[in-house]
Amino acid sequence: MKKNKTSRAWVHDHVNDPWVQRAQAEGYRARAAFKLLEIDERDRLLRPGAVVVDLGAAPGSWCQVAVRRCGPKARIFALDLLPMEPVAGVDFLLGDFTEDAVLEELESRLGGASVDVVLSDMAPNLSGVATVDQARSVNLCELALDFAARHLKPGGQFVVKVFQGEGFMEFRKQMEAAFASVQVRKPKASRDRSAEVYLLGKGPRRP
C-alpha cells in the first residue's frame, strides 16, 4: 500500500511539475533539458559546429538541446543502455558504457576526432540499497571522467551528474586533478530534494 501511495504521489507531482509542462510545450522529451539549458546559458558550453558526446542520453532531451544550440555542422554522439527514439543529427549507440566493446565502438565512431564537450547524465539502475546505488553512481562518474580526460580537446568541457554522498568529495578531487577549473552547478530544474548536482570541468590537464 505504501508503495502504491508513493507511486501515485510521484505521478501527481510529475504531471503537475511546471518543468514537465514546459518541456511538453517546448517540444523537449524530458524536464532535464532545462538543466542543460541553464548550465549552457551560464557557461557557454554548446557552440556552433561543436563535437559533443552525450553519455546516458535517453530519452534524448540533452541531445535535442545540443542539436538546437550547435547547429547542422555539429557532430553529436550519444550513448545509452536504454533505447532512444532517433534525434535528427545525432549518432546514437545503444549499449552499456561499462563494457569495453561498447566504449570501443563509441571511440570508433568518433574516428579520432577531439571532443569539445562531454556530457554525462548517467545514473545506475537503482537497487534500493543506498550504499550500493551511490557506489555504482560514482563508478559511472569515474568512467565518464576517464573518457573525457582522454578525448576532450584543449579547452574542452565536461559536465557530469553526481549524487552527493559517500565518495562525492573523493570524485570531486579527481575532477580537480583532471581539470584546470571545477565548479558545482545546481540548476533550478533539479528538484530541491534531490541529492544531484552537476560538476563542470573546464580545461583538461594533459598528463
Protein backbone atom coordinates (compact mmCIF):
# COMPACT_ATOMS: atom_id res chain seq x y z
CA MET A 1 0.00 0.00 0.00
CA LYS A 2 2.79 2.39 0.90
CA LYS A 3 4.48 1.79 -2.45
CA ASN A 4 1.21 2.48 -4.29
CA LYS A 5 0.77 5.74 -2.38
CA THR A 6 4.34 6.72 -3.20
CA SER A 7 3.82 5.91 -6.87
CA ARG A 8 0.60 7.93 -7.00
CA ALA A 9 2.31 10.85 -5.30
CA TRP A 10 5.18 10.72 -7.80
CA VAL A 11 2.76 10.67 -10.76
CA HIS A 12 0.82 13.59 -9.27
CA ASP A 13 3.99 15.62 -8.74
CA HIS A 14 5.30 14.75 -12.20
CA VAL A 15 2.12 15.68 -14.05
CA ASN A 16 1.87 18.97 -12.16
CA ASP A 17 5.58 19.78 -12.37
CA PRO A 18 5.94 23.13 -14.20
CA TRP A 19 9.21 21.95 -15.77
CA VAL A 20 7.47 18.87 -17.18
CA GLN A 21 4.69 21.05 -18.55
CA ARG A 22 7.20 23.47 -20.05
CA ALA A 23 9.15 20.61 -21.65
CA GLN A 24 5.97 19.33 -23.30
CA ALA A 25 5.10 22.83 -24.51
CA GLU A 26 8.57 23.44 -25.99
CA GLY A 27 8.96 20.02 -27.58
CA TYR A 28 11.58 18.54 -25.24
CA ARG A 29 11.39 14.89 -24.27
CA ALA A 30 12.14 15.47 -20.58
CA ARG A 31 12.41 18.23 -17.99
CA ALA A 32 16.16 17.50 -17.86
CA ALA A 33 16.54 19.67 -20.97
CA PHE A 34 16.24 22.75 -18.78
CA LYS A 35 19.09 21.62 -16.55
CA LEU A 36 21.45 21.62 -19.51
CA LEU A 37 19.96 24.81 -20.95
CA GLU A 38 20.60 26.67 -17.69
CA ILE A 39 24.18 25.41 -17.44
CA ASP A 40 24.76 26.31 -21.08
CA GLU A 41 23.34 29.82 -20.62
CA ARG A 42 25.77 30.40 -17.77
CA ASP A 43 28.87 28.61 -19.06
CA ARG A 44 28.52 28.68 -22.86
CA LEU A 45 29.26 25.02 -23.45
CA LEU A 46 27.48 24.38 -26.71
CA ARG A 47 28.82 26.30 -29.68
CA PRO A 48 28.02 26.05 -33.39
CA GLY A 49 29.84 23.18 -35.09
CA ALA A 50 30.97 21.54 -31.84
CA VAL A 51 31.78 17.86 -31.37
CA VAL A 52 29.62 16.67 -28.45
CA VAL A 53 29.33 13.31 -26.69
CA ASP A 54 26.22 12.69 -24.56
CA LEU A 55 26.58 9.75 -22.14
CA GLY A 56 23.33 8.44 -20.64
CA ALA A 57 21.38 10.20 -23.36
CA ALA A 58 17.92 8.56 -23.27
CA PRO A 59 15.23 9.75 -23.72
CA GLY A 60 17.13 12.39 -25.68
CA SER A 61 16.36 15.82 -24.25
CA TRP A 62 20.03 16.77 -23.88
CA CYS A 63 20.61 15.68 -27.49
CA GLN A 64 17.74 17.95 -28.53
CA VAL A 65 19.38 20.87 -26.72
CA ALA A 66 22.77 20.10 -28.29
CA VAL A 67 21.31 19.93 -31.80
CA ARG A 68 19.47 23.23 -31.36
CA ARG A 69 22.46 25.01 -29.85
CA CYS A 70 25.25 23.58 -32.02
CA GLY A 71 23.54 23.63 -35.39
CA PRO A 72 23.72 21.47 -38.52
CA LYS A 73 27.53 21.42 -38.77
CA ALA A 74 27.94 19.88 -35.30
CA ARG A 75 28.84 16.24 -34.71
CA ILE A 76 26.81 14.84 -31.83
CA PHE A 77 27.27 11.33 -30.48
CA ALA A 78 25.02 9.76 -27.87
CA LEU A 79 25.05 6.53 -25.89
CA ASP A 80 22.66 4.81 -23.51
CA LEU A 81 21.80 1.40 -22.15
CA LEU A 82 18.14 2.16 -22.96
CA PRO A 83 16.73 2.60 -26.46
CA MET A 84 16.19 6.16 -27.65
CA GLU A 85 13.93 7.44 -30.40
CA PRO A 86 16.12 9.00 -33.11
CA VAL A 87 17.06 12.66 -32.88
CA ALA A 88 17.95 14.18 -36.24
CA GLY A 89 21.65 14.98 -36.35
CA VAL A 90 22.62 12.59 -33.55
CA ASP A 91 24.63 9.37 -33.94
CA PHE A 92 23.15 7.12 -31.22
CA LEU A 93 24.79 3.96 -29.88
CA LEU A 94 22.73 1.52 -27.82
CA GLY A 95 24.92 -0.18 -25.22
CA ASP A 96 26.37 -0.37 -21.74
CA PHE A 97 29.09 2.24 -21.22
CA THR A 98 30.79 -0.02 -18.65
CA GLU A 99 31.53 -2.65 -21.34
CA ASP A 100 34.83 -2.36 -23.22
CA ALA A 101 33.29 -3.37 -26.55
CA VAL A 102 30.71 -0.56 -26.33
CA LEU A 103 33.33 2.01 -25.40
CA GLU A 104 35.49 0.86 -28.33
CA GLU A 105 32.54 1.23 -30.70
CA LEU A 106 31.90 4.76 -29.47
CA GLU A 107 35.56 5.64 -29.95
CA SER A 108 35.45 4.10 -33.43
CA ARG A 109 32.52 6.32 -34.37
CA LEU A 110 34.45 9.37 -33.19
CA GLY A 111 37.07 8.47 -35.76
CA GLY A 112 39.87 10.16 -33.86
CA ALA A 113 38.04 13.47 -33.53
CA SER A 114 38.78 15.56 -30.45
CA VAL A 115 35.67 16.41 -28.45
CA ASP A 116 34.55 19.90 -27.42
CA VAL A 117 32.04 18.83 -24.77
CA VAL A 118 31.37 15.59 -22.91
CA LEU A 119 28.01 15.46 -21.16
CA SER A 120 27.15 12.74 -18.65
CA ASP A 121 23.68 12.46 -17.14
CA MET A 122 24.20 8.76 -16.38
CA ALA A 123 22.70 7.13 -13.32
CA PRO A 124 22.68 3.45 -12.35
CA ASN A 125 19.67 1.19 -12.23
CA LEU A 126 18.62 1.55 -8.62
CA SER A 127 18.78 -1.46 -6.32
CA GLY A 128 17.16 0.32 -3.40
CA VAL A 129 20.29 -0.15 -1.28
CA ALA A 130 21.62 3.39 -0.87
CA THR A 131 25.27 2.49 -0.38
CA VAL A 132 25.28 0.17 -3.40
CA ASP A 133 23.50 2.70 -5.62
CA GLN A 134 25.85 5.50 -4.59
CA ALA A 135 28.91 3.35 -5.30
CA ARG A 136 27.55 2.46 -8.74
CA SER A 137 26.82 6.12 -9.45
CA VAL A 138 30.35 7.21 -8.52
CA ASN A 139 31.78 4.42 -10.67
CA LEU A 140 29.87 5.71 -13.69
CA CYS A 141 31.15 9.22 -12.98
CA GLU A 142 34.72 7.92 -12.85
CA LEU A 143 34.31 6.11 -16.17
CA ALA A 144 32.87 9.25 -17.77
CA LEU A 145 35.74 11.32 -16.35
CA ASP A 146 38.28 8.89 -17.80
CA PHE A 147 36.61 9.13 -21.21
CA ALA A 148 36.50 12.93 -21.05
CA ALA A 149 40.14 13.20 -19.98
CA ARG A 150 41.21 11.07 -22.96
CA HIS A 151 39.05 12.63 -25.66
CA LEU A 152 38.49 16.32 -24.86
CA LYS A 153 40.46 18.85 -26.85
CA PRO A 154 42.42 21.59 -25.02
CA GLY A 155 39.85 24.00 -23.62
CA GLY A 156 37.16 21.29 -23.72
CA GLN A 157 34.46 20.99 -21.08
CA PHE A 158 32.91 18.13 -19.11
CA VAL A 159 29.54 18.16 -17.34
CA VAL A 160 28.72 15.22 -15.09
CA LYS A 161 25.78 14.45 -12.79
CA VAL A 162 26.93 13.43 -9.32
CA PHE A 163 24.89 12.50 -6.27
CA GLN A 164 26.14 14.00 -3.04
CA GLY A 165 27.02 11.33 -0.50
CA GLU A 166 29.67 8.69 0.01
CA GLY A 167 32.51 9.18 -2.47
CA PHE A 168 31.37 12.59 -3.69
CA MET A 169 34.30 14.59 -2.32
CA GLU A 170 36.79 11.98 -3.50
CA PHE A 171 35.36 12.19 -7.01
CA ARG A 172 35.45 15.97 -6.93
CA LYS A 173 39.16 15.78 -6.08
CA GLN A 174 39.66 13.53 -9.11
CA MET A 175 37.92 16.18 -11.21
CA GLU A 176 40.14 18.89 -9.77
CA ALA A 177 43.22 16.86 -10.64
CA ALA A 178 41.98 16.40 -14.21
CA PHE A 179 40.79 19.95 -14.98
CA ALA A 180 42.11 23.47 -14.54
CA SER A 181 38.73 24.57 -13.16
CA VAL A 182 35.92 22.64 -11.48
CA GLN A 183 32.62 24.23 -10.46
CA VAL A 184 29.36 22.97 -8.96
CA ARG A 185 26.05 23.67 -10.69
CA LYS A 186 22.58 23.03 -9.25
CA PRO A 187 20.09 24.00 -11.98
CA LYS A 188 16.66 25.27 -11.00
CA ALA A 189 15.06 22.33 -12.84
CA SER A 190 16.85 19.93 -10.48
CA ARG A 191 14.45 19.10 -7.67
CA ASP A 192 15.42 20.67 -4.34
CA ARG A 193 15.06 17.36 -2.51
CA SER A 194 17.35 15.60 -4.97
CA ALA A 195 20.96 14.97 -3.95
CA GLU A 196 22.06 15.50 -7.55
CA VAL A 197 24.41 18.27 -8.57
CA TYR A 198 26.45 18.76 -11.71
CA LEU A 199 30.20 19.21 -11.74
CA LEU A 200 31.61 21.26 -14.59
CA GLY A 201 35.24 20.73 -15.53
CA LYS A 202 36.95 23.21 -17.84
CA GLY A 203 40.37 22.92 -19.43
CA PRO A 204 41.53 19.31 -19.20
CA ARG A 205 45.03 18.92 -17.84
CA ARG A 206 47.26 16.79 -20.00
CA PRO A 207 49.27 14.00 -18.28
